[in-house]
PDB file of all heavy atoms in Angstrom:
ATOM      1  N   ASN A   1    -161.974 -41.988 -66.953  1.00  0.00           N
ATOM      2  CA  ASN A   1    -162.442 -43.325 -67.290  1.00  0.00           C
ATOM      3  C   ASN A   1    -162.496 -44.191 -66.035  1.00  0.00           C
ATOM      4  O   ASN A   1    -161.627 -44.117 -65.166  1.00  0.00           O
ATOM      5  CB  ASN A   1    -161.523 -43.972 -68.325  1.00  0.00           C
ATOM      6  CG  ASN A   1    -161.548 -43.235 -69.648  1.00  0.00           C
ATOM      7  OD1 ASN A   1    -162.566 -42.654 -70.015  1.00  0.00           O
ATOM      8  ND2 ASN A   1    -160.445 -43.257 -70.371  1.00  0.00           N
ATOM      9  N   THR A   2    -163.510 -45.011 -65.939  1.00  0.00           N
ATOM     10  CA  THR A   2    -163.716 -45.845 -64.757  1.00  0.00           C
ATOM     11  C   THR A   2    -162.781 -47.044 -64.771  1.00  0.00           C
ATOM     12  O   THR A   2    -162.669 -47.749 -65.780  1.00  0.00           O
ATOM     13  CB  THR A   2    -165.172 -46.315 -64.678  1.00  0.00           C
ATOM     14  OG1 THR A   2    -166.035 -45.167 -64.641  1.00  0.00           O
ATOM     15  CG2 THR A   2    -165.408 -47.148 -63.427  1.00  0.00           C
ATOM     16  N   VAL A   3    -162.096 -47.250 -63.655  1.00  0.00           N
ATOM     17  CA  VAL A   3    -161.236 -48.421 -63.469  1.00  0.00           C
ATOM     18  C   VAL A   3    -161.973 -49.381 -62.538  1.00  0.00           C
ATOM     19  O   VAL A   3    -162.297 -49.031 -61.403  1.00  0.00           O
ATOM     20  CB  VAL A   3    -159.870 -48.024 -62.872  1.00  0.00           C
ATOM     21  CG1 VAL A   3    -159.020 -49.262 -62.599  1.00  0.00           C
ATOM     22  CG2 VAL A   3    -159.143 -47.081 -63.811  1.00  0.00           C
ATOM     23  N   THR A   4    -162.234 -50.587 -63.001  1.00  0.00           N
ATOM     24  CA  THR A   4    -163.000 -51.570 -62.238  1.00  0.00           C
ATOM     25  C   THR A   4    -162.061 -52.597 -61.611  1.00  0.00           C
ATOM     26  O   THR A   4    -161.194 -53.146 -62.290  1.00  0.00           O
ATOM     27  CB  THR A   4    -164.026 -52.277 -63.129  1.00  0.00           C
ATOM     28  OG1 THR A   4    -164.885 -51.283 -63.733  1.00  0.00           O
ATOM     29  CG2 THR A   4    -164.872 -53.245 -62.326  1.00  0.00           C
ATOM     30  N   ILE A   5    -162.257 -52.821 -60.317  1.00  0.00           N
ATOM     31  CA  ILE A   5    -161.492 -53.844 -59.592  1.00  0.00           C
ATOM     32  C   ILE A   5    -162.453 -54.948 -59.211  1.00  0.00           C
ATOM     33  O   ILE A   5    -163.382 -54.739 -58.430  1.00  0.00           O
ATOM     34  CB  ILE A   5    -160.824 -53.256 -58.336  1.00  0.00           C
ATOM     35  CG1 ILE A   5    -159.918 -52.085 -58.705  1.00  0.00           C
ATOM     36  CG2 ILE A   5    -160.041 -54.321 -57.590  1.00  0.00           C
ATOM     37  CD1 ILE A   5    -159.282 -51.437 -57.515  1.00  0.00           C
ATOM     38  N   GLU A   6    -162.238 -56.131 -59.763  1.00  0.00           N
ATOM     39  CA  GLU A   6    -163.061 -57.294 -59.452  1.00  0.00           C
ATOM     40  C   GLU A   6    -162.168 -58.331 -58.802  1.00  0.00           C
ATOM     41  O   GLU A   6    -161.316 -58.937 -59.461  1.00  0.00           O
ATOM     42  CB  GLU A   6    -163.726 -57.852 -60.700  1.00  0.00           C
ATOM     43  CG  GLU A   6    -164.723 -56.901 -61.341  1.00  0.00           C
ATOM     44  CD  GLU A   6    -165.381 -57.477 -62.571  1.00  0.00           C
ATOM     45  OE1 GLU A   6    -164.970 -58.582 -62.989  1.00  0.00           O
ATOM     46  OE2 GLU A   6    -166.297 -56.843 -63.103  1.00  0.00           O
ATOM     47  N   GLN A   7    -162.364 -58.543 -57.513  1.00  0.00           N
ATOM     48  CA  GLN A   7    -161.546 -59.498 -56.788  1.00  0.00           C
ATOM     49  C   GLN A   7    -161.999 -60.916 -57.094  1.00  0.00           C
ATOM     50  O   GLN A   7    -163.183 -61.181 -57.306  1.00  0.00           O
ATOM     51  CB  GLN A   7    -161.620 -59.229 -55.277  1.00  0.00           C
ATOM     52  CG  GLN A   7    -161.199 -57.819 -54.895  1.00  0.00           C
ATOM     53  CD  GLN A   7    -159.761 -57.548 -55.246  1.00  0.00           C
ATOM     54  OE1 GLN A   7    -158.931 -58.445 -55.190  1.00  0.00           O
ATOM     55  NE2 GLN A   7    -159.454 -56.314 -55.598  1.00  0.00           N
ATOM     56  N   SER A   8    -161.062 -61.884 -57.070  1.00  0.00           N
ATOM     57  CA  SER A   8    -161.358 -63.291 -57.377  1.00  0.00           C
ATOM     58  C   SER A   8    -161.434 -64.135 -56.115  1.00  0.00           C
ATOM     59  O   SER A   8    -161.267 -65.342 -56.157  1.00  0.00           O
ATOM     60  CB  SER A   8    -160.264 -63.862 -58.294  1.00  0.00           C
ATOM     61  OG  SER A   8    -158.991 -63.747 -57.680  1.00  0.00           O
ATOM     62  N   PHE A   9    -161.691 -63.482 -54.960  1.00  0.00           N
ATOM     63  CA  PHE A   9    -161.717 -64.230 -53.718  1.00  0.00           C
ATOM     64  C   PHE A   9    -162.886 -65.205 -53.681  1.00  0.00           C
ATOM     65  O   PHE A   9    -162.772 -66.292 -53.119  1.00  0.00           O
ATOM     66  CB  PHE A   9    -161.815 -63.260 -52.540  1.00  0.00           C
ATOM     67  CG  PHE A   9    -160.557 -62.451 -52.337  1.00  0.00           C
ATOM     68  CD1 PHE A   9    -160.421 -61.190 -52.893  1.00  0.00           C
ATOM     69  CD2 PHE A   9    -159.510 -62.973 -51.614  1.00  0.00           C
ATOM     70  CE1 PHE A   9    -159.267 -60.453 -52.708  1.00  0.00           C
ATOM     71  CE2 PHE A   9    -158.361 -62.244 -51.427  1.00  0.00           C
ATOM     72  CZ  PHE A   9    -158.227 -60.990 -51.974  1.00  0.00           C
ATOM     73  N   ASP A  10    -164.012 -64.871 -54.247  1.00  0.00           N
ATOM     74  CA  ASP A  10    -165.153 -65.773 -54.241  1.00  0.00           C
ATOM     75  C   ASP A  10    -164.843 -67.052 -54.997  1.00  0.00           C
ATOM     76  O   ASP A  10    -165.169 -68.154 -54.564  1.00  0.00           O
ATOM     77  CB  ASP A  10    -166.370 -65.079 -54.846  1.00  0.00           C
ATOM     78  CG  ASP A  10    -166.862 -63.950 -53.949  1.00  0.00           C
ATOM     79  OD1 ASP A  10    -166.551 -63.982 -52.741  1.00  0.00           O
ATOM     80  OD2 ASP A  10    -167.548 -63.058 -54.471  1.00  0.00           O
ATOM     81  N   THR A  11    -164.211 -66.947 -56.154  1.00  0.00           N
ATOM     82  CA  THR A  11    -163.861 -68.123 -56.941  1.00  0.00           C
ATOM     83  C   THR A  11    -162.872 -69.002 -56.202  1.00  0.00           C
ATOM     84  O   THR A  11    -162.967 -70.228 -56.188  1.00  0.00           O
ATOM     85  CB  THR A  11    -163.276 -67.683 -58.301  1.00  0.00           C
ATOM     86  OG1 THR A  11    -164.210 -66.832 -58.945  1.00  0.00           O
ATOM     87  CG2 THR A  11    -162.978 -68.876 -59.170  1.00  0.00           C
ATOM     88  N   VAL A  12    -161.891 -68.378 -55.568  1.00  0.00           N
ATOM     89  CA  VAL A  12    -160.894 -69.144 -54.825  1.00  0.00           C
ATOM     90  C   VAL A  12    -161.545 -69.880 -53.676  1.00  0.00           C
ATOM     91  O   VAL A  12    -161.246 -71.052 -53.409  1.00  0.00           O
ATOM     92  CB  VAL A  12    -159.785 -68.201 -54.313  1.00  0.00           C
ATOM     93  CG1 VAL A  12    -158.832 -68.954 -53.396  1.00  0.00           C
ATOM     94  CG2 VAL A  12    -159.014 -67.615 -55.486  1.00  0.00           C
ATOM     95  N   ASN A  13    -162.446 -69.250 -52.974  1.00  0.00           N
ATOM     96  CA  ASN A  13    -163.113 -69.899 -51.854  1.00  0.00           C
ATOM     97  C   ASN A  13    -163.916 -71.106 -52.306  1.00  0.00           C
ATOM     98  O   ASN A  13    -163.914 -72.141 -51.646  1.00  0.00           O
ATOM     99  CB  ASN A  13    -164.021 -68.891 -51.144  1.00  0.00           C
ATOM    100  CG  ASN A  13    -163.222 -67.852 -50.372  1.00  0.00           C
ATOM    101  OD1 ASN A  13    -162.073 -68.096 -50.025  1.00  0.00           O
ATOM    102  ND2 ASN A  13    -163.831 -66.707 -50.111  1.00  0.00           N
ATOM    103  N   VAL A  14    -164.619 -70.979 -53.409  1.00  0.00           N
ATOM    104  CA  VAL A  14    -165.394 -72.103 -53.923  1.00  0.00           C
ATOM    105  C   VAL A  14    -164.480 -73.257 -54.290  1.00  0.00           C
ATOM    106  O   VAL A  14    -164.750 -74.425 -53.978  1.00  0.00           O
ATOM    107  CB  VAL A  14    -166.241 -71.656 -55.131  1.00  0.00           C
ATOM    108  CG1 VAL A  14    -166.876 -72.863 -55.807  1.00  0.00           C
ATOM    109  CG2 VAL A  14    -167.310 -70.668 -54.702  1.00  0.00           C
ATOM    110  N   THR A  15    -163.353 -72.970 -54.931  1.00  0.00           N
ATOM    111  CA  THR A  15    -162.413 -74.017 -55.319  1.00  0.00           C
ATOM    112  C   THR A  15    -161.841 -74.726 -54.092  1.00  0.00           C
ATOM    113  O   THR A  15    -161.754 -75.962 -54.046  1.00  0.00           O
ATOM    114  CB  THR A  15    -161.276 -73.413 -56.153  1.00  0.00           C
ATOM    115  OG1 THR A  15    -161.835 -72.724 -57.271  1.00  0.00           O
ATOM    116  CG2 THR A  15    -160.336 -74.492 -56.639  1.00  0.00           C
ATOM    117  N   VAL A  16    -161.459 -73.949 -53.100  1.00  0.00           N
ATOM    118  CA  VAL A  16    -160.904 -74.547 -51.882  1.00  0.00           C
ATOM    119  C   VAL A  16    -161.943 -75.407 -51.182  1.00  0.00           C
ATOM    120  O   VAL A  16    -161.643 -76.515 -50.707  1.00  0.00           O
ATOM    121  CB  VAL A  16    -160.379 -73.436 -50.952  1.00  0.00           C
ATOM    122  CG1 VAL A  16    -159.996 -74.011 -49.596  1.00  0.00           C
ATOM    123  CG2 VAL A  16    -159.184 -72.741 -51.580  1.00  0.00           C
ATOM    124  N   ILE A  17    -163.159 -74.917 -51.130  1.00  0.00           N
ATOM    125  CA  ILE A  17    -164.215 -75.685 -50.460  1.00  0.00           C
ATOM    126  C   ILE A  17    -164.462 -77.013 -51.173  1.00  0.00           C
ATOM    127  O   ILE A  17    -164.619 -78.066 -50.538  1.00  0.00           O
ATOM    128  CB  ILE A  17    -165.503 -74.844 -50.389  1.00  0.00           C
ATOM    129  CG1 ILE A  17    -165.311 -73.669 -49.427  1.00  0.00           C
ATOM    130  CG2 ILE A  17    -166.685 -75.696 -49.949  1.00  0.00           C
ATOM    131  CD1 ILE A  17    -166.467 -72.699 -49.404  1.00  0.00           C
ATOM    132  N   VAL A  18    -164.479 -76.996 -52.494  1.00  0.00           N
ATOM    133  CA  VAL A  18    -164.697 -78.237 -53.252  1.00  0.00           C
ATOM    134  C   VAL A  18    -163.562 -79.213 -53.021  1.00  0.00           C
ATOM    135  O   VAL A  18    -163.775 -80.421 -52.816  1.00  0.00           O
ATOM    136  CB  VAL A  18    -164.869 -77.911 -54.748  1.00  0.00           C
ATOM    137  CG1 VAL A  18    -164.877 -79.189 -55.579  1.00  0.00           C
ATOM    138  CG2 VAL A  18    -166.164 -77.132 -54.971  1.00  0.00           C
ATOM    139  N   LEU A  19    -162.311 -78.712 -53.057  1.00  0.00           N
ATOM    140  CA  LEU A  19    -161.174 -79.597 -52.838  1.00  0.00           C
ATOM    141  C   LEU A  19    -161.189 -80.195 -51.440  1.00  0.00           C
ATOM    142  O   LEU A  19    -160.886 -81.391 -51.255  1.00  0.00           O
ATOM    143  CB  LEU A  19    -159.874 -78.818 -53.064  1.00  0.00           C
ATOM    144  CG  LEU A  19    -159.586 -78.401 -54.514  1.00  0.00           C
ATOM    145  CD1 LEU A  19    -158.314 -77.579 -54.577  1.00  0.00           C
ATOM    146  CD2 LEU A  19    -159.479 -79.625 -55.412  1.00  0.00           C
ATOM    147  N   ILE A  20    -161.528 -79.390 -50.447  1.00  0.00           N
ATOM    148  CA  ILE A  20    -161.582 -79.906 -49.089  1.00  0.00           C
ATOM    149  C   ILE A  20    -162.698 -80.932 -48.944  1.00  0.00           C
ATOM    150  O   ILE A  20    -162.532 -81.990 -48.306  1.00  0.00           O
ATOM    151  CB  ILE A  20    -161.776 -78.749 -48.093  1.00  0.00           C
ATOM    152  CG1 ILE A  20    -160.513 -77.866 -48.068  1.00  0.00           C
ATOM    153  CG2 ILE A  20    -162.077 -79.268 -46.698  1.00  0.00           C
ATOM    154  CD1 ILE A  20    -160.644 -76.642 -47.201  1.00  0.00           C
ATOM    155  N   ALA A  21    -163.855 -80.632 -49.551  1.00  0.00           N
ATOM    156  CA  ALA A  21    -164.991 -81.548 -49.434  1.00  0.00           C
ATOM    157  C   ALA A  21    -164.710 -82.906 -50.065  1.00  0.00           C
ATOM    158  O   ALA A  21    -165.170 -83.944 -49.578  1.00  0.00           O
ATOM    159  CB  ALA A  21    -166.226 -80.913 -50.060  1.00  0.00           C
ATOM    160  N   LEU A  22    -163.952 -82.916 -51.141  1.00  0.00           N
ATOM    161  CA  LEU A  22    -163.639 -84.189 -51.806  1.00  0.00           C
ATOM    162  C   LEU A  22    -162.375 -84.831 -51.256  1.00  0.00           C
ATOM    163  O   LEU A  22    -162.262 -86.061 -51.234  1.00  0.00           O
ATOM    164  CB  LEU A  22    -163.481 -83.953 -53.311  1.00  0.00           C
ATOM    165  CG  LEU A  22    -164.735 -83.476 -54.053  1.00  0.00           C
ATOM    166  CD1 LEU A  22    -164.427 -83.264 -55.516  1.00  0.00           C
ATOM    167  CD2 LEU A  22    -165.879 -84.476 -53.886  1.00  0.00           C
ATOM    168  N   GLY A  23    -161.425 -84.035 -50.841  1.00  0.00           N
ATOM    169  CA  GLY A  23    -160.133 -84.595 -50.432  1.00  0.00           C
ATOM    170  C   GLY A  23    -160.131 -85.197 -49.056  1.00  0.00           C
ATOM    171  O   GLY A  23    -159.567 -86.292 -48.842  1.00  0.00           O
ATOM    172  N   ILE A  24    -160.749 -84.547 -48.084  1.00  0.00           N
ATOM    173  CA  ILE A  24    -160.706 -85.049 -46.709  1.00  0.00           C
ATOM    174  C   ILE A  24    -161.381 -86.413 -46.562  1.00  0.00           C
ATOM    175  O   ILE A  24    -160.821 -87.326 -45.938  1.00  0.00           O
ATOM    176  CB  ILE A  24    -161.329 -84.010 -45.754  1.00  0.00           C
ATOM    177  CG1 ILE A  24    -160.401 -82.791 -45.650  1.00  0.00           C
ATOM    178  CG2 ILE A  24    -161.568 -84.605 -44.378  1.00  0.00           C
ATOM    179  CD1 ILE A  24    -160.909 -81.715 -44.732  1.00  0.00           C
ATOM    180  N   PRO A  25    -162.566 -86.633 -47.132  1.00  0.00           N
ATOM    181  CA  PRO A  25    -163.154 -87.984 -47.008  1.00  0.00           C
ATOM    182  C   PRO A  25    -162.286 -89.068 -47.644  1.00  0.00           C
ATOM    183  O   PRO A  25    -162.189 -90.182 -47.109  1.00  0.00           O
ATOM    184  CB  PRO A  25    -164.494 -87.847 -47.733  1.00  0.00           C
ATOM    185  CG  PRO A  25    -164.822 -86.399 -47.644  1.00  0.00           C
ATOM    186  CD  PRO A  25    -163.523 -85.704 -47.750  1.00  0.00           C
ATOM    187  N   MET A  26    -161.660 -88.779 -48.762  1.00  0.00           N
ATOM    188  CA  MET A  26    -160.811 -89.783 -49.395  1.00  0.00           C
ATOM    189  C   MET A  26    -159.603 -90.121 -48.523  1.00  0.00           C
ATOM    190  O   MET A  26    -159.206 -91.284 -48.406  1.00  0.00           O
ATOM    191  CB  MET A  26    -160.355 -89.264 -50.760  1.00  0.00           C
ATOM    192  CG  MET A  26    -161.478 -89.038 -51.756  1.00  0.00           C
ATOM    193  SD  MET A  26    -162.361 -90.561 -52.159  1.00  0.00           S
ATOM    194  CE  MET A  26    -161.075 -91.450 -53.039  1.00  0.00           C
ATOM    195  N   ILE A  27    -159.010 -89.087 -47.895  1.00  0.00           N
ATOM    196  CA  ILE A  27    -157.865 -89.344 -47.024  1.00  0.00           C
ATOM    197  C   ILE A  27    -158.283 -90.160 -45.805  1.00  0.00           C
ATOM    198  O   ILE A  27    -157.599 -91.126 -45.403  1.00  0.00           O
ATOM    199  CB  ILE A  27    -157.242 -88.003 -46.594  1.00  0.00           C
ATOM    200  CG1 ILE A  27    -156.653 -87.291 -47.821  1.00  0.00           C
ATOM    201  CG2 ILE A  27    -156.165 -88.214 -45.541  1.00  0.00           C
ATOM    202  CD1 ILE A  27    -156.147 -85.904 -47.520  1.00  0.00           C
ATOM    203  N   LEU A  28    -159.410 -89.823 -45.206  1.00  0.00           N
ATOM    204  CA  LEU A  28    -159.885 -90.583 -44.046  1.00  0.00           C
ATOM    205  C   LEU A  28    -160.214 -92.021 -44.413  1.00  0.00           C
ATOM    206  O   LEU A  28    -159.933 -92.958 -43.637  1.00  0.00           O
ATOM    207  CB  LEU A  28    -161.119 -89.893 -43.456  1.00  0.00           C
ATOM    208  CG  LEU A  28    -160.873 -88.507 -42.842  1.00  0.00           C
ATOM    209  CD1 LEU A  28    -162.202 -87.903 -42.368  1.00  0.00           C
ATOM    210  CD2 LEU A  28    -159.887 -88.598 -41.688  1.00  0.00           C
ATOM    211  N   LEU A  29    -160.787 -92.226 -45.584  1.00  0.00           N
ATOM    212  CA  LEU A  29    -161.107 -93.586 -46.013  1.00  0.00           C
ATOM    213  C   LEU A  29    -159.840 -94.405 -46.209  1.00  0.00           C
ATOM    214  O   LEU A  29    -159.774 -95.581 -45.828  1.00  0.00           O
ATOM    215  CB  LEU A  29    -161.927 -93.533 -47.308  1.00  0.00           C
ATOM    216  CG  LEU A  29    -162.341 -94.890 -47.902  1.00  0.00           C
ATOM    217  CD1 LEU A  29    -163.218 -95.651 -46.912  1.00  0.00           C
ATOM    218  CD2 LEU A  29    -163.073 -94.678 -49.217  1.00  0.00           C
ATOM    219  N   ALA A  30    -158.828 -93.787 -46.790  1.00  0.00           N
ATOM    220  CA  ALA A  30    -157.570 -94.513 -46.999  1.00  0.00           C
ATOM    221  C   ALA A  30    -156.917 -94.882 -45.667  1.00  0.00           C
ATOM    222  O   ALA A  30    -156.419 -96.002 -45.487  1.00  0.00           O
ATOM    223  CB  ALA A  30    -156.630 -93.658 -47.844  1.00  0.00           C
ATOM    224  N   LEU A  31    -156.915 -93.951 -44.708  1.00  0.00           N
ATOM    225  CA  LEU A  31    -156.331 -94.255 -43.401  1.00  0.00           C
ATOM    226  C   LEU A  31    -157.097 -95.357 -42.689  1.00  0.00           C
ATOM    227  O   LEU A  31    -156.504 -96.255 -42.043  1.00  0.00           O
ATOM    228  CB  LEU A  31    -156.321 -92.990 -42.545  1.00  0.00           C
ATOM    229  CG  LEU A  31    -155.372 -91.876 -42.998  1.00  0.00           C
ATOM    230  CD1 LEU A  31    -155.547 -90.644 -42.116  1.00  0.00           C
ATOM    231  CD2 LEU A  31    -153.927 -92.356 -42.961  1.00  0.00           C
ATOM    232  N   LEU A  32    -158.413 -95.322 -42.805  1.00  0.00           N
ATOM    233  CA  LEU A  32    -159.225 -96.351 -42.179  1.00  0.00           C
ATOM    234  C   LEU A  32    -158.930 -97.725 -42.757  1.00  0.00           C
ATOM    235  O   LEU A  32    -158.821 -98.730 -42.018  1.00  0.00           O
ATOM    236  CB  LEU A  32    -160.709 -96.000 -42.339  1.00  0.00           C
ATOM    237  CG  LEU A  32    -161.708 -96.979 -41.718  1.00  0.00           C
ATOM    238  CD1 LEU A  32    -161.528 -97.013 -40.191  1.00  0.00           C
ATOM    239  CD2 LEU A  32    -163.132 -96.558 -42.058  1.00  0.00           C
ATOM    240  N   MET A  33    -158.789 -97.807 -44.041  1.00  0.00           N
ATOM    241  CA  MET A  33    -158.484 -99.098 -44.668  1.00  0.00           C
ATOM    242  C   MET A  33    -157.098 -99.595 -44.274  1.00  0.00           C
ATOM    243  O   MET A  33    -156.885-100.787 -44.090  1.00  0.00           O
ATOM    244  CB  MET A  33    -158.593 -98.946 -46.189  1.00  0.00           C
ATOM    245  CG  MET A  33    -160.003 -98.663 -46.682  1.00  0.00           C
ATOM    246  SD  MET A  33    -160.083 -98.455 -48.464  1.00  0.00           S
ATOM    247  CE  MET A  33    -159.669-100.114 -48.996  1.00  0.00           C
ATOM    248  N   VAL A  34    -156.154 -98.697 -44.120  1.00  0.00           N
ATOM    249  CA  VAL A  34    -154.808 -99.123 -43.728  1.00  0.00           C
ATOM    250  C   VAL A  34    -154.793 -99.673 -42.314  1.00  0.00           C
ATOM    251  O   VAL A  34    -154.188-100.710 -42.031  1.00  0.00           O
ATOM    252  CB  VAL A  34    -153.832 -97.947 -43.862  1.00  0.00           C
ATOM    253  CG1 VAL A  34    -152.497 -98.267 -43.209  1.00  0.00           C
ATOM    254  CG2 VAL A  34    -153.610 -97.630 -45.328  1.00  0.00           C
ATOM    255  N   PHE A  35    -155.488 -99.009 -41.399  1.00  0.00           N
ATOM    256  CA  PHE A  35    -155.481 -99.476 -40.008  1.00  0.00           C
ATOM    257  C   PHE A  35    -156.266-100.770 -39.827  1.00  0.00           C
ATOM    258  O   PHE A  35    -155.897-101.618 -39.015  1.00  0.00           O
ATOM    259  CB  PHE A  35    -156.054 -98.388 -39.097  1.00  0.00           C
ATOM    260  CG  PHE A  35    -155.095 -97.266 -38.848  1.00  0.00           C
ATOM    261  CD1 PHE A  35    -155.368 -95.992 -39.295  1.00  0.00           C
ATOM    262  CD2 PHE A  35    -153.899 -97.484 -38.176  1.00  0.00           C
ATOM    263  CE1 PHE A  35    -154.493 -94.956 -39.068  1.00  0.00           C
ATOM    264  CE2 PHE A  35    -153.009 -96.453 -37.959  1.00  0.00           C
ATOM    265  CZ  PHE A  35    -153.288 -95.182 -38.400  1.00  0.00           C
ATOM    266  N   ARG A  36    -157.328-100.932 -40.558  1.00  0.00           N
ATOM    267  CA  ARG A  36    -158.146-102.126 -40.392  1.00  0.00           C
ATOM    268  C   ARG A  36    -157.599-103.317 -41.165  1.00  0.00           C
ATOM    269  O   ARG A  36    -157.847-104.453 -40.806  1.00  0.00           O
ATOM    270  CB  ARG A  36    -159.588-101.851 -40.823  1.00  0.00           C
ATOM    271  CG  ARG A  36    -160.282-100.821 -39.923  1.00  0.00           C
ATOM    272  CD  ARG A  36    -161.758-100.819 -40.126  1.00  0.00           C
ATOM    273  NE  ARG A  36    -162.343-102.128 -39.823  1.00  0.00           N
ATOM    274  CZ  ARG A  36    -163.643-102.395 -39.920  1.00  0.00           C
ATOM    275  NH1 ARG A  36    -164.490-101.433 -40.312  1.00  0.00           N
ATOM    276  NH2 ARG A  36    -164.112-103.601 -39.640  1.00  0.00           N
TER     277      ARG A  36
END
């Protein structure tokens, strides 16, 4: 019987990319407002 291995690395990469894309601008905006 065939045993199938499907890795979830693609899903993890997409999730990390989305979090980085949304999180970094928000952090930079908050720091900018604090300094100014």
